[in-house]
Amino acid sequence: MIKLKISILTLFPEMFSNVFEHSIIKRAKEMGKVEIEIINFRDYSLDSHQKVDDTPFGGGQGMVLSCQPIFDCVEHLRTEKSKVILLTPDGTPYQQKQAYQLSQEEHLIIICGHYEGFDERIRSLVDLEISIGDYILSGGEYASMVLVDSIARLLPGVIKEESHINESFHNHLLDYPTYTKPRVFRGMEVPSVLLSGDHQKIEEYRKKESIKKTKEKRPDLWKEVGEKNEIQD
Protein backbone atom coordinates (compact mmCIF):
# COMPACT_ATOMS: atom_id res chain seq x y z
CA MET A 1 0.00 0.00 0.00
CA ILE A 2 1.32 3.44 -1.00
CA LYS A 3 2.02 5.59 2.04
CA LEU A 4 1.95 8.93 0.23
CA LYS A 5 0.86 10.06 -3.23
CA ILE A 6 2.23 13.34 -4.60
CA SER A 7 0.66 15.01 -7.63
CA ILE A 8 2.70 17.85 -9.14
CA LEU A 9 0.87 20.27 -11.43
CA THR A 10 3.17 21.94 -13.93
CA LEU A 11 3.36 23.36 -17.46
CA PHE A 12 6.80 21.82 -17.93
CA PRO A 13 6.66 18.10 -17.11
CA GLU A 14 9.89 17.52 -19.03
CA MET A 15 11.74 19.35 -16.26
CA PHE A 16 11.11 16.33 -14.03
CA SER A 17 12.70 13.78 -16.35
CA ASN A 18 14.68 11.39 -14.13
CA VAL A 19 14.75 13.85 -11.20
CA PHE A 20 13.06 11.36 -8.91
CA GLU A 21 14.92 8.31 -10.22
CA HIS A 22 17.95 8.58 -7.99
CA SER A 23 19.12 8.17 -4.40
CA ILE A 24 16.63 8.26 -1.53
CA ILE A 25 13.56 9.23 -3.58
CA LYS A 26 14.15 6.30 -5.90
CA ARG A 27 14.42 4.04 -2.85
CA ALA A 28 11.18 5.41 -1.43
CA LYS A 29 9.40 4.72 -4.71
CA GLU A 30 10.80 1.19 -4.98
CA MET A 31 9.72 0.49 -1.40
CA GLY A 32 6.18 1.58 -2.23
CA LYS A 33 6.34 4.44 0.25
CA VAL A 34 5.62 7.19 -2.26
CA GLU A 35 4.02 7.57 -5.68
CA ILE A 36 4.84 10.68 -7.69
CA GLU A 37 2.81 11.78 -10.69
CA ILE A 38 3.61 14.74 -12.92
CA ILE A 39 0.57 16.37 -14.48
CA ASN A 40 0.55 19.00 -17.22
CA PHE A 41 -2.40 21.19 -16.29
CA ARG A 42 -2.40 22.55 -19.85
CA ASP A 43 -4.23 19.31 -20.69
CA TYR A 44 -7.18 20.65 -18.68
CA SER A 45 -7.50 23.88 -20.65
CA LEU A 46 -10.83 24.33 -22.47
CA ASP A 47 -9.27 26.82 -24.86
CA SER A 48 -8.99 25.58 -28.45
CA HIS A 49 -5.26 26.33 -28.34
CA GLN A 50 -4.83 25.02 -24.77
CA LYS A 51 -4.10 28.50 -23.52
CA VAL A 52 -3.51 28.68 -19.76
CA ASP A 53 -2.71 32.35 -19.20
CA ASP A 54 -3.79 35.86 -20.13
CA THR A 55 -2.88 39.51 -19.65
CA PRO A 56 -3.58 41.02 -16.21
CA PHE A 57 -6.59 43.24 -15.61
CA GLY A 58 -5.44 46.78 -14.92
CA GLY A 59 -2.39 46.39 -17.10
CA GLY A 60 1.14 45.37 -16.21
CA GLN A 61 3.97 43.20 -17.44
CA GLY A 62 3.85 39.49 -18.14
CA MET A 63 1.11 36.91 -18.31
CA VAL A 64 -1.03 35.57 -15.47
CA LEU A 65 -2.11 31.95 -15.05
CA SER A 66 -5.85 31.57 -15.51
CA CYS A 67 -8.28 29.95 -13.11
CA GLN A 68 -10.03 27.41 -15.32
CA PRO A 69 -7.24 24.89 -16.12
CA ILE A 70 -5.93 24.80 -12.55
CA PHE A 71 -9.37 24.64 -10.97
CA ASP A 72 -10.45 21.79 -13.23
CA CYS A 73 -7.21 19.88 -12.71
CA VAL A 74 -7.27 20.18 -8.91
CA GLU A 75 -10.96 19.32 -8.70
CA HIS A 76 -10.36 16.22 -10.83
CA LEU A 77 -7.55 15.00 -8.58
CA ARG A 78 -8.74 16.11 -5.18
CA THR A 79 -10.27 13.77 -2.63
CA GLU A 80 -11.20 14.31 1.01
CA LYS A 81 -7.71 13.10 1.91
CA SER A 82 -5.86 15.57 -0.32
CA LYS A 83 -3.91 18.62 0.81
CA VAL A 84 -3.37 21.24 -1.90
CA ILE A 85 -0.15 23.27 -1.78
CA LEU A 86 0.59 26.42 -3.74
CA LEU A 87 4.25 27.31 -4.19
CA THR A 88 4.55 31.08 -4.04
CA PRO A 89 7.08 33.68 -2.80
CA ASP A 90 4.50 35.06 -0.37
CA GLY A 91 3.79 31.70 1.23
CA THR A 92 4.85 30.50 4.67
CA PRO A 93 8.65 29.98 4.85
CA TYR A 94 9.30 26.24 4.56
CA GLN A 95 10.84 24.55 7.59
CA GLN A 96 11.72 21.03 8.68
CA LYS A 97 8.69 20.80 10.96
CA GLN A 98 6.46 21.28 7.91
CA ALA A 99 8.26 18.48 6.12
CA TYR A 100 7.42 16.18 9.04
CA GLN A 101 3.80 17.29 9.00
CA LEU A 102 3.45 16.79 5.26
CA SER A 103 5.05 13.33 5.46
CA GLN A 104 2.00 12.28 7.52
CA GLU A 105 -0.45 13.13 4.74
CA GLU A 106 -1.90 10.64 2.24
CA HIS A 107 -2.11 12.84 -0.86
CA LEU A 108 -0.34 16.09 -1.68
CA ILE A 109 -1.27 18.19 -4.70
CA ILE A 110 1.48 20.70 -5.46
CA ILE A 111 0.75 23.59 -7.83
CA CYS A 112 3.79 25.03 -9.61
CA GLY A 113 3.24 28.63 -10.61
CA HIS A 114 4.94 30.20 -13.62
CA TYR A 115 5.09 33.36 -15.68
CA GLU A 116 4.25 36.62 -13.89
CA GLY A 117 1.95 34.99 -11.37
CA PHE A 118 -1.48 33.44 -11.03
CA ASP A 119 -5.03 34.65 -10.76
CA GLU A 120 -5.64 35.54 -7.11
CA ARG A 121 -8.77 33.37 -7.04
CA ILE A 122 -6.63 30.25 -7.35
CA ARG A 123 -5.73 30.75 -3.69
CA SER A 124 -9.28 29.68 -2.79
CA LEU A 125 -8.37 26.16 -3.93
CA VAL A 126 -5.41 25.62 -1.66
CA ASP A 127 -4.86 24.46 1.91
CA LEU A 128 -1.32 25.71 2.29
CA GLU A 129 0.94 28.29 0.62
CA ILE A 130 4.67 27.64 0.85
CA SER A 131 7.82 29.59 0.01
CA ILE A 132 11.26 27.95 0.03
CA GLY A 133 13.08 31.26 0.42
CA ASP A 134 13.18 34.98 -0.16
CA TYR A 135 14.26 34.88 -3.79
CA ILE A 136 12.57 34.50 -7.16
CA LEU A 137 12.65 31.39 -9.36
CA SER A 138 11.36 31.09 -12.92
CA GLY A 139 8.66 28.77 -11.66
CA GLY A 140 7.61 26.45 -8.89
CA GLU A 141 9.11 23.33 -10.44
CA TYR A 142 12.43 23.54 -8.60
CA ALA A 143 10.67 24.34 -5.35
CA SER A 144 8.44 21.28 -5.77
CA MET A 145 11.52 19.10 -6.15
CA VAL A 146 12.83 20.48 -2.84
CA LEU A 147 9.53 19.65 -1.14
CA VAL A 148 9.38 16.11 -2.50
CA ASP A 149 12.95 15.34 -1.46
CA SER A 150 12.50 16.75 2.05
CA ILE A 151 9.25 14.82 2.56
CA ALA A 152 9.99 11.46 0.95
CA ARG A 153 13.10 10.86 3.05
CA LEU A 154 11.00 11.13 6.22
CA LEU A 155 8.58 8.37 5.28
CA PRO A 156 8.87 5.38 7.64
CA GLY A 157 11.60 2.92 6.64
CA VAL A 158 13.10 5.00 3.83
CA ILE A 159 16.12 5.92 5.94
CA LYS A 160 17.00 4.95 9.49
CA GLU A 161 15.05 7.01 11.96
CA GLU A 162 18.15 7.97 13.92
CA SER A 163 19.62 9.44 10.73
CA HIS A 164 17.06 12.20 10.39
CA ILE A 165 16.58 12.58 14.16
CA ASN A 166 20.19 13.77 14.38
CA GLU A 167 20.03 16.08 11.36
CA SER A 168 20.01 19.86 11.36
CA PHE A 169 16.73 21.46 12.41
CA HIS A 170 15.25 18.31 13.96
CA ASN A 171 15.79 19.83 17.38
CA HIS A 172 15.74 23.35 15.93
CA LEU A 173 19.54 23.51 16.01
CA LEU A 174 22.15 23.07 13.29
CA ASP A 175 23.86 19.71 13.12
CA TYR A 176 27.11 19.06 14.97
CA PRO A 177 30.37 18.65 12.98
CA THR A 178 31.29 15.14 11.86
CA TYR A 179 34.60 13.52 10.88
CA THR A 180 35.91 10.31 9.33
CA LYS A 181 39.30 8.71 8.62
CA PRO A 182 42.13 9.68 8.62
CA ARG A 183 42.53 11.04 12.14
CA VAL A 184 44.90 13.73 10.87
CA PHE A 185 44.64 15.37 7.45
CA ARG A 186 47.03 18.16 6.46
CA GLY A 187 47.61 18.96 10.10
CA MET A 188 43.91 19.09 10.96
CA GLU A 189 43.06 16.61 13.73
CA VAL A 190 39.81 14.94 14.70
CA PRO A 191 38.72 16.13 18.19
CA SER A 192 40.07 13.64 20.71
CA VAL A 193 36.72 13.22 22.46
CA LEU A 194 35.36 11.48 19.35
CA LEU A 195 38.10 8.87 19.69
CA SER A 196 37.56 8.32 23.41
CA GLY A 197 34.81 5.71 23.21
CA ASP A 198 32.99 7.56 26.00
CA HIS A 199 29.49 7.91 24.51
CA GLN A 200 28.25 10.29 27.18
CA LYS A 201 31.12 12.68 26.62
CA ILE A 202 30.63 12.38 22.86
CA GLU A 203 26.96 13.31 23.17
CA GLU A 204 27.83 16.25 25.42
CA TYR A 205 30.45 17.41 22.92
CA ARG A 206 28.05 17.13 20.00
CA LYS A 207 25.32 19.07 21.79
CA LYS A 208 27.77 21.81 22.73
CA GLU A 209 29.09 22.04 19.16
CA SER A 210 25.56 22.08 17.75
CA ILE A 211 24.66 25.03 19.96
CA LYS A 212 27.93 26.79 19.13
CA LYS A 213 27.38 26.40 15.38
CA THR A 214 23.79 27.63 15.61
CA LYS A 215 24.84 30.71 17.56
CA GLU A 216 27.62 31.53 15.08
CA LYS A 217 25.96 30.68 11.76
CA ARG A 218 22.27 31.23 12.50
CA PRO A 219 21.89 33.77 15.31
CA ASP A 220 18.32 34.33 14.09
CA LEU A 221 17.53 30.67 14.71
CA TRP A 222 19.22 30.72 18.10
CA LYS A 223 17.30 33.82 19.16
CA GLU A 224 14.01 32.24 18.16
CA VAL A 225 14.59 28.75 19.52
CA GLY A 226 17.58 28.55 21.83
CA GLU A 227 16.91 31.55 24.03
CA LYS A 228 13.16 30.95 24.11
CA ASN A 229 13.64 27.39 25.33
CA GLU A 230 16.57 28.31 27.55
CA ILE A 231 18.92 25.80 25.93
CA GLN A 232 22.19 25.95 27.78
CA ASP A 233 25.62 25.43 26.27
C-alpha atoms as a PDB file:
ATOM      1  CA  MET A   1       0.000   0.000   0.000  1.00  0.00           C
ATOM      2  CA  ILE A   2       1.324   3.439  -1.002  1.00  0.00           C
ATOM      3  CA  LYS A   3       2.020   5.591   2.045  1.00  0.00           C
ATOM      4  CA  LEU A   4       1.948   8.927   0.228  1.00  0.00           C
ATOM      5  CA  LYS A   5       0.862  10.061  -3.229  1.00  0.00           C
ATOM      6  CA  ILE A   6       2.233  13.336  -4.600  1.00  0.00           C
ATOM      7  CA  SER A   7       0.660  15.008  -7.626  1.00  0.00           C
ATOM      8  CA  ILE A   8       2.699  17.847  -9.136  1.00  0.00           C
ATOM      9  CA  LEU A   9       0.867  20.266 -11.431  1.00  0.00           C
ATOM     10  CA  THR A  10       3.168  21.943 -13.933  1.00  0.00           C
ATOM     11  CA  LEU A  11       3.363  23.356 -17.456  1.00  0.00           C
ATOM     12  CA  PHE A  12       6.798  21.822 -17.934  1.00  0.00           C
ATOM     13  CA  PRO A  13       6.657  18.101 -17.113  1.00  0.00           C
ATOM     14  CA  GLU A  14       9.887  17.524 -19.034  1.00  0.00           C
ATOM     15  CA  MET A  15      11.742  19.348 -16.261  1.00  0.00           C
ATOM     16  CA  PHE A  16      11.111  16.334 -14.025  1.00  0.00           C
ATOM     17  CA  SER A  17      12.700  13.781 -16.349  1.00  0.00           C
ATOM     18  CA  ASN A  18      14.683  11.388 -14.134  1.00  0.00           C
ATOM     19  CA  VAL A  19      14.748  13.846 -11.203  1.00  0.00           C
ATOM     20  CA  PHE A  20      13.056  11.360  -8.908  1.00  0.00           C
ATOM     21  CA  GLU A  21      14.925   8.307 -10.217  1.00  0.00           C
ATOM     22  CA  HIS A  22      17.954   8.584  -7.988  1.00  0.00           C
ATOM     23  CA  SER A  23      19.120   8.172  -4.399  1.00  0.00           C
ATOM     24  CA  ILE A  24      16.626   8.262  -1.533  1.00  0.00           C
ATOM     25  CA  ILE A  25      13.561   9.234  -3.583  1.00  0.00           C
ATOM     26  CA  LYS A  26      14.152   6.300  -5.904  1.00  0.00           C
ATOM     27  CA  ARG A  27      14.424   4.041  -2.846  1.00  0.00           C
ATOM     28  CA  ALA A  28      11.176   5.413  -1.431  1.00  0.00           C
ATOM     29  CA  LYS A  29       9.398   4.723  -4.710  1.00  0.00           C
ATOM     30  CA  GLU A  30      10.798   1.194  -4.977  1.00  0.00           C
ATOM     31  CA  MET A  31       9.717   0.490  -1.402  1.00  0.00           C
ATOM     32  CA  GLY A  32       6.181   1.578  -2.230  1.00  0.00           C
ATOM     33  CA  LYS A  33       6.338   4.442   0.254  1.00  0.00           C
ATOM     34  CA  VAL A  34       5.616   7.192  -2.264  1.00  0.00           C
ATOM     35  CA  GLU A  35       4.024   7.569  -5.676  1.00  0.00           C
ATOM     36  CA  ILE A  36       4.840  10.684  -7.686  1.00  0.00           C
ATOM     37  CA  GLU A  37       2.811  11.778 -10.689  1.00  0.00           C
ATOM     38  CA  ILE A  38       3.613  14.742 -12.921  1.00  0.00           C
ATOM     39  CA  ILE A  39       0.566  16.375 -14.477  1.00  0.00           C
ATOM     40  CA  ASN A  40       0.553  18.999 -17.223  1.00  0.00           C
ATOM     41  CA  PHE A  41      -2.398  21.189 -16.294  1.00  0.00           C
ATOM     42  CA  ARG A  42      -2.404  22.545 -19.853  1.00  0.00           C
ATOM     43  CA  ASP A  43      -4.227  19.313 -20.693  1.00  0.00           C
ATOM     44  CA  TYR A  44      -7.184  20.646 -18.684  1.00  0.00           C
ATOM     45  CA  SER A  45      -7.500  23.879 -20.649  1.00  0.00           C
ATOM     46  CA  LEU A  46     -10.825  24.328 -22.466  1.00  0.00           C
ATOM     47  CA  ASP A  47      -9.271  26.823 -24.864  1.00  0.00           C
ATOM     48  CA  SER A  48      -8.995  25.577 -28.450  1.00  0.00           C
ATOM     49  CA  HIS A  49      -5.258  26.328 -28.338  1.00  0.00           C
ATOM     50  CA  GLN A  50      -4.829  25.017 -24.773  1.00  0.00           C
ATOM     51  CA  LYS A  51      -4.097  28.503 -23.515  1.00  0.00           C
ATOM     52  CA  VAL A  52      -3.511  28.684 -19.758  1.00  0.00           C
ATOM     53  CA  ASP A  53      -2.710  32.351 -19.197  1.00  0.00           C
ATOM     54  CA  ASP A  54      -3.787  35.855 -20.133  1.00  0.00           C
ATOM     55  CA  THR A  55      -2.881  39.506 -19.649  1.00  0.00           C
ATOM     56  CA  PRO A  56      -3.584  41.017 -16.214  1.00  0.00           C
ATOM     57  CA  PHE A  57      -6.587  43.238 -15.608  1.00  0.00           C
ATOM     58  CA  GLY A  58      -5.445  46.782 -14.920  1.00  0.00           C
ATOM     59  CA  GLY A  59      -2.388  46.385 -17.100  1.00  0.00           C
ATOM     60  CA  GLY A  60       1.137  45.373 -16.214  1.00  0.00           C
ATOM     61  CA  GLN A  61       3.975  43.201 -17.443  1.00  0.00           C
ATOM     62  CA  GLY A  62       3.848  39.490 -18.141  1.00  0.00           C
ATOM     63  CA  MET A  63       1.112  36.909 -18.309  1.00  0.00           C
ATOM     64  CA  VAL A  64      -1.032  35.574 -15.473  1.00  0.00           C
ATOM     65  CA  LEU A  65      -2.108  31.949 -15.050  1.00  0.00           C
ATOM     66  CA  SER A  66      -5.850  31.574 -15.511  1.00  0.00           C
ATOM     67  CA  CYS A  67      -8.283  29.945 -13.111  1.00  0.00           C
ATOM     68  CA  GLN A  68     -10.035  27.408 -15.315  1.00  0.00           C
ATOM     69  CA  PRO A  69      -7.244  24.893 -16.115  1.00  0.00           C
ATOM     70  CA  ILE A  70      -5.930  24.799 -12.551  1.00  0.00           C
ATOM     71  CA  PHE A  71      -9.369  24.639 -10.966  1.00  0.00           C
ATOM     72  CA  ASP A  72     -10.452  21.790 -13.232  1.00  0.00           C
ATOM     73  CA  CYS A  73      -7.206  19.884 -12.708  1.00  0.00           C
ATOM     74  CA  VAL A  74      -7.271  20.184  -8.912  1.00  0.00           C
ATOM     75  CA  GLU A  75     -10.962  19.318  -8.701  1.00  0.00           C
ATOM     76  CA  HIS A  76     -10.359  16.217 -10.830  1.00  0.00           C
ATOM     77  CA  LEU A  77      -7.547  14.996  -8.580  1.00  0.00           C
ATOM     78  CA  ARG A  78      -8.744  16.107  -5.175  1.00  0.00           C
ATOM     79  CA  THR A  79     -10.266  13.769  -2.630  1.00  0.00           C
ATOM     80  CA  GLU A  80     -11.196  14.313   1.009  1.00  0.00           C
ATOM     81  CA  LYS A  81      -7.706  13.100   1.908  1.00  0.00           C
ATOM     82  CA  SER A  82      -5.860  15.572  -0.322  1.00  0.00           C
ATOM     83  CA  LYS A  83      -3.909  18.621   0.807  1.00  0.00           C
ATOM     84  CA  VAL A  84      -3.373  21.239  -1.904  1.00  0.00           C
ATOM     85  CA  ILE A  85      -0.146  23.265  -1.776  1.00  0.00           C
ATOM     86  CA  LEU A  86       0.586  26.417  -3.738  1.00  0.00           C
ATOM     87  CA  LEU A  87       4.252  27.311  -4.192  1.00  0.00           C
ATOM     88  CA  THR A  88       4.548  31.082  -4.038  1.00  0.00           C
ATOM     89  CA  PRO A  89       7.083  33.679  -2.797  1.00  0.00           C
ATOM     90  CA  ASP A  90       4.502  35.064  -0.371  1.00  0.00           C
ATOM     91  CA  GLY A  91       3.788  31.695   1.225  1.00  0.00           C
ATOM     92  CA  THR A  92       4.849  30.502   4.671  1.00  0.00           C
ATOM     93  CA  PRO A  93       8.652  29.977   4.852  1.00  0.00           C
ATOM     94  CA  TYR A  94       9.299  26.235   4.562  1.00  0.00           C
ATOM     95  CA  GLN A  95      10.844  24.550   7.587  1.00  0.00           C
ATOM     96  CA  GLN A  96      11.716  21.033   8.675  1.00  0.00           C
ATOM     97  CA  LYS A  97       8.693  20.803  10.961  1.00  0.00           C
ATOM     98  CA  GLN A  98       6.457  21.284   7.910  1.00  0.00           C
ATOM     99  CA  ALA A  99       8.264  18.480   6.121  1.00  0.00           C
ATOM    100  CA  TYR A 100       7.415  16.179   9.043  1.00  0.00           C
ATOM    101  CA  GLN A 101       3.796  17.286   9.002  1.00  0.00           C
ATOM    102  CA  LEU A 102       3.448  16.792   5.262  1.00  0.00           C
ATOM    103  CA  SER A 103       5.046  13.334   5.461  1.00  0.00           C
ATOM    104  CA  GLN A 104       2.002  12.281   7.517  1.00  0.00           C
ATOM    105  CA  GLU A 105      -0.448  13.134   4.738  1.00  0.00           C
ATOM    106  CA  GLU A 106      -1.900  10.639   2.237  1.00  0.00           C
ATOM    107  CA  HIS A 107      -2.108  12.840  -0.858  1.00  0.00           C
ATOM    108  CA  LEU A 108      -0.338  16.094  -1.676  1.00  0.00           C
ATOM    109  CA  ILE A 109      -1.275  18.188  -4.705  1.00  0.00           C
ATOM    110  CA  ILE A 110       1.480  20.698  -5.465  1.00  0.00           C
ATOM    111  CA  ILE A 111       0.751  23.590  -7.832  1.00  0.00           C
ATOM    112  CA  CYS A 112       3.791  25.026  -9.613  1.00  0.00           C
ATOM    113  CA  GLY A 113       3.240  28.630 -10.614  1.00  0.00           C
ATOM    114  CA  HIS A 114       4.938  30.198 -13.620  1.00  0.00           C
ATOM    115  CA  TYR A 115       5.090  33.364 -15.682  1.00  0.00           C
ATOM    116  CA  GLU A 116       4.251  36.621 -13.885  1.00  0.00           C
ATOM    117  CA  GLY A 117       1.948  34.989 -11.368  1.00  0.00           C
ATOM    118  CA  PHE A 118      -1.483  33.439 -11.034  1.00  0.00           C
ATOM    119  CA  ASP A 119      -5.034  34.648 -10.757  1.00  0.00           C
ATOM    120  CA  GLU A 120      -5.639  35.541  -7.109  1.00  0.00           C
ATOM    121  CA  ARG A 121      -8.772  33.372  -7.042  1.00  0.00           C
ATOM    122  CA  ILE A 122      -6.631  30.245  -7.349  1.00  0.00           C
ATOM    123  CA  ARG A 123      -5.733  30.749  -3.686  1.00  0.00           C
ATOM    124  CA  SER A 124      -9.279  29.677  -2.788  1.00  0.00           C
ATOM    125  CA  LEU A 125      -8.365  26.162  -3.933  1.00  0.00           C
ATOM    126  CA  VAL A 126      -5.405  25.621  -1.663  1.00  0.00           C
ATOM    127  CA  ASP A 127      -4.863  24.461   1.910  1.00  0.00           C
ATOM    128  CA  LEU A 128      -1.320  25.713   2.287  1.00  0.00           C
ATOM    129  CA  GLU A 129       0.936  28.286   0.619  1.00  0.00           C
ATOM    130  CA  ILE A 130       4.674  27.636   0.851  1.00  0.00           C
ATOM    131  CA  SER A 131       7.823  29.591   0.011  1.00  0.00           C
ATOM    132  CA  ILE A 132      11.259  27.952   0.031  1.00  0.00           C
ATOM    133  CA  GLY A 133      13.081  31.257   0.419  1.00  0.00           C
ATOM    134  CA  ASP A 134      13.177  34.982  -0.162  1.00  0.00           C
ATOM    135  CA  TYR A 135      14.264  34.884  -3.793  1.00  0.00           C
ATOM    136  CA  ILE A 136      12.571  34.495  -7.164  1.00  0.00           C
ATOM    137  CA  LEU A 137      12.648  31.390  -9.355  1.00  0.00           C
ATOM    138  CA  SER A 138      11.362  31.091 -12.917  1.00  0.00           C
ATOM    139  CA  GLY A 139       8.657  28.770 -11.663  1.00  0.00           C
ATOM    140  CA  GLY A 140       7.607  26.453  -8.892  1.00  0.00           C
ATOM    141  CA  GLU A 141       9.109  23.328 -10.436  1.00  0.00           C
ATOM    142  CA  TYR A 142      12.425  23.539  -8.598  1.00  0.00           C
ATOM    143  CA  ALA A 143      10.667  24.345  -5.347  1.00  0.00           C
ATOM    144  CA  SER A 144       8.444  21.284  -5.772  1.00  0.00           C
ATOM    145  CA  MET A 145      11.523  19.101  -6.146  1.00  0.00           C
ATOM    146  CA  VAL A 146      12.826  20.481  -2.842  1.00  0.00           C
ATOM    147  CA  LEU A 147       9.526  19.650  -1.137  1.00  0.00           C
ATOM    148  CA  VAL A 148       9.379  16.110  -2.497  1.00  0.00           C
ATOM    149  CA  ASP A 149      12.950  15.342  -1.463  1.00  0.00           C
ATOM    150  CA  SER A 150      12.495  16.752   2.049  1.00  0.00           C
ATOM    151  CA  ILE A 151       9.248  14.825   2.563  1.00  0.00           C
ATOM    152  CA  ALA A 152       9.989  11.462   0.945  1.00  0.00           C
ATOM    153  CA  ARG A 153      13.101  10.856   3.046  1.00  0.00           C
ATOM    154  CA  LEU A 154      10.998  11.129   6.224  1.00  0.00           C
ATOM    155  CA  LEU A 155       8.579   8.373   5.283  1.00  0.00           C
ATOM    156  CA  PRO A 156       8.874   5.377   7.635  1.00  0.00           C
ATOM    157  CA  GLY A 157      11.598   2.922   6.642  1.00  0.00           C
ATOM    158  CA  VAL A 158      13.099   5.004   3.830  1.00  0.00           C
ATOM    159  CA  ILE A 159      16.120   5.923   5.940  1.00  0.00           C
ATOM    160  CA  LYS A 160      16.999   4.945   9.486  1.00  0.00           C
ATOM    161  CA  GLU A 161      15.047   7.013  11.961  1.00  0.00           C
ATOM    162  CA  GLU A 162      18.153   7.969  13.918  1.00  0.00           C
ATOM    163  CA  SER A 163      19.624   9.439  10.730  1.00  0.00           C
ATOM    164  CA  HIS A 164      17.058  12.199  10.394  1.00  0.00           C
ATOM    165  CA  ILE A 165      16.577  12.578  14.156  1.00  0.00           C
ATOM    166  CA  ASN A 166      20.194  13.768  14.378  1.00  0.00           C
ATOM    167  CA  GLU A 167      20.034  16.085  11.360  1.00  0.00           C
ATOM    168  CA  SER A 168      20.009  19.855  11.358  1.00  0.00           C
ATOM    169  CA  PHE A 169      16.726  21.462  12.410  1.00  0.00           C
ATOM    170  CA  HIS A 170      15.250  18.307  13.956  1.00  0.00           C
ATOM    171  CA  ASN A 171      15.787  19.832  17.384  1.00  0.00           C
ATOM    172  CA  HIS A 172      15.743  23.350  15.928  1.00  0.00           C
ATOM    173  CA  LEU A 173      19.542  23.514  16.007  1.00  0.00           C
ATOM    174  CA  LEU A 174      22.146  23.075  13.295  1.00  0.00           C
ATOM    175  CA  ASP A 175      23.859  19.707  13.120  1.00  0.00           C
ATOM    176  CA  TYR A 176      27.107  19.056  14.966  1.00  0.00           C
ATOM    177  CA  PRO A 177      30.369  18.650  12.978  1.00  0.00           C
ATOM    178  CA  THR A 178      31.290  15.136  11.860  1.00  0.00           C
ATOM    179  CA  TYR A 179      34.605  13.520  10.885  1.00  0.00           C
ATOM    180  CA  THR A 180      35.910  10.310   9.332  1.00  0.00           C
ATOM    181  CA  LYS A 181      39.302   8.708   8.619  1.00  0.00           C
ATOM    182  CA  PRO A 182      42.130   9.675   8.619  1.00  0.00           C
ATOM    183  CA  ARG A 183      42.526  11.043  12.145  1.00  0.00           C
ATOM    184  CA  VAL A 184      44.904  13.730  10.873  1.00  0.00           C
ATOM    185  CA  PHE A 185      44.642  15.370   7.453  1.00  0.00           C
ATOM    186  CA  ARG A 186      47.033  18.159   6.464  1.00  0.00           C
ATOM    187  CA  GLY A 187      47.607  18.957  10.101  1.00  0.00           C
ATOM    188  CA  MET A 188      43.914  19.088  10.964  1.00  0.00           C
ATOM    189  CA  GLU A 189      43.060  16.613  13.726  1.00  0.00           C
ATOM    190  CA  VAL A 190      39.814  14.942  14.698  1.00  0.00           C
ATOM    191  CA  PRO A 191      38.720  16.126  18.187  1.00  0.00           C
ATOM    192  CA  SER A 192      40.072  13.641  20.710  1.00  0.00           C
ATOM    193  CA  VAL A 193      36.721  13.219  22.463  1.00  0.00           C
ATOM    194  CA  LEU A 194      35.358  11.479  19.354  1.00  0.00           C
ATOM    195  CA  LEU A 195      38.103   8.869  19.689  1.00  0.00           C
ATOM    196  CA  SER A 196      37.560   8.319  23.414  1.00  0.00           C
ATOM    197  CA  GLY A 197      34.810   5.711  23.213  1.00  0.00           C
ATOM    198  CA  ASP A 198      32.986   7.556  26.002  1.00  0.00           C
ATOM    199  CA  HIS A 199      29.490   7.912  24.511  1.00  0.00           C
ATOM    200  CA  GLN A 200      28.246  10.288  27.184  1.00  0.00           C
ATOM    201  CA  LYS A 201      31.120  12.676  26.617  1.00  0.00           C
ATOM    202  CA  ILE A 202      30.632  12.380  22.858  1.00  0.00           C
ATOM    203  CA  GLU A 203      26.960  13.313  23.167  1.00  0.00           C
ATOM    204  CA  GLU A 204      27.826  16.249  25.421  1.00  0.00           C
ATOM    205  CA  TYR A 205      30.451  17.415  22.919  1.00  0.00           C
ATOM    206  CA  ARG A 206      28.048  17.132  20.004  1.00  0.00           C
ATOM    207  CA  LYS A 207      25.323  19.069  21.792  1.00  0.00           C
ATOM    208  CA  LYS A 208      27.773  21.814  22.725  1.00  0.00           C
ATOM    209  CA  GLU A 209      29.095  22.042  19.158  1.00  0.00           C
ATOM    210  CA  SER A 210      25.555  22.075  17.752  1.00  0.00           C
ATOM    211  CA  ILE A 211      24.656  25.027  19.961  1.00  0.00           C
ATOM    212  CA  LYS A 212      27.935  26.794  19.126  1.00  0.00           C
ATOM    213  CA  LYS A 213      27.380  26.395  15.382  1.00  0.00           C
ATOM    214  CA  THR A 214      23.795  27.627  15.615  1.00  0.00           C
ATOM    215  CA  LYS A 215      24.843  30.713  17.562  1.00  0.00           C
ATOM    216  CA  GLU A 216      27.620  31.529  15.077  1.00  0.00           C
ATOM    217  CA  LYS A 217      25.962  30.680  11.761  1.00  0.00           C
ATOM    218  CA  ARG A 218      22.271  31.226  12.496  1.00  0.00           C
ATOM    219  CA  PRO A 219      21.885  33.768  15.309  1.00  0.00           C
ATOM    220  CA  ASP A 220      18.324  34.326  14.088  1.00  0.00           C
ATOM    221  CA  LEU A 221      17.528  30.670  14.712  1.00  0.00           C
ATOM    222  CA  TRP A 222      19.221  30.722  18.105  1.00  0.00           C
ATOM    223  CA  LYS A 223      17.303  33.823  19.163  1.00  0.00           C
ATOM    224  CA  GLU A 224      14.009  32.241  18.158  1.00  0.00           C
ATOM    225  CA  VAL A 225      14.586  28.750  19.525  1.00  0.00           C
ATOM    226  CA  GLY A 226      17.577  28.555  21.834  1.00  0.00           C
ATOM    227  CA  GLU A 227      16.909  31.550  24.028  1.00  0.00           C
ATOM    228  CA  LYS A 228      13.161  30.952  24.111  1.00  0.00           C
ATOM    229  CA  ASN A 229      13.638  27.388  25.334  1.00  0.00           C
ATOM    230  CA  GLU A 230      16.566  28.307  27.553  1.00  0.00           C
ATOM    231  CA  ILE A 231      18.918  25.802  25.933  1.00  0.00           C
ATOM    232  CA  GLN A 232      22.191  25.947  27.777  1.00  0.00           C
ATOM    233  CA  ASP A 233      25.624  25.426  26.268  1.00  0.00           C
END
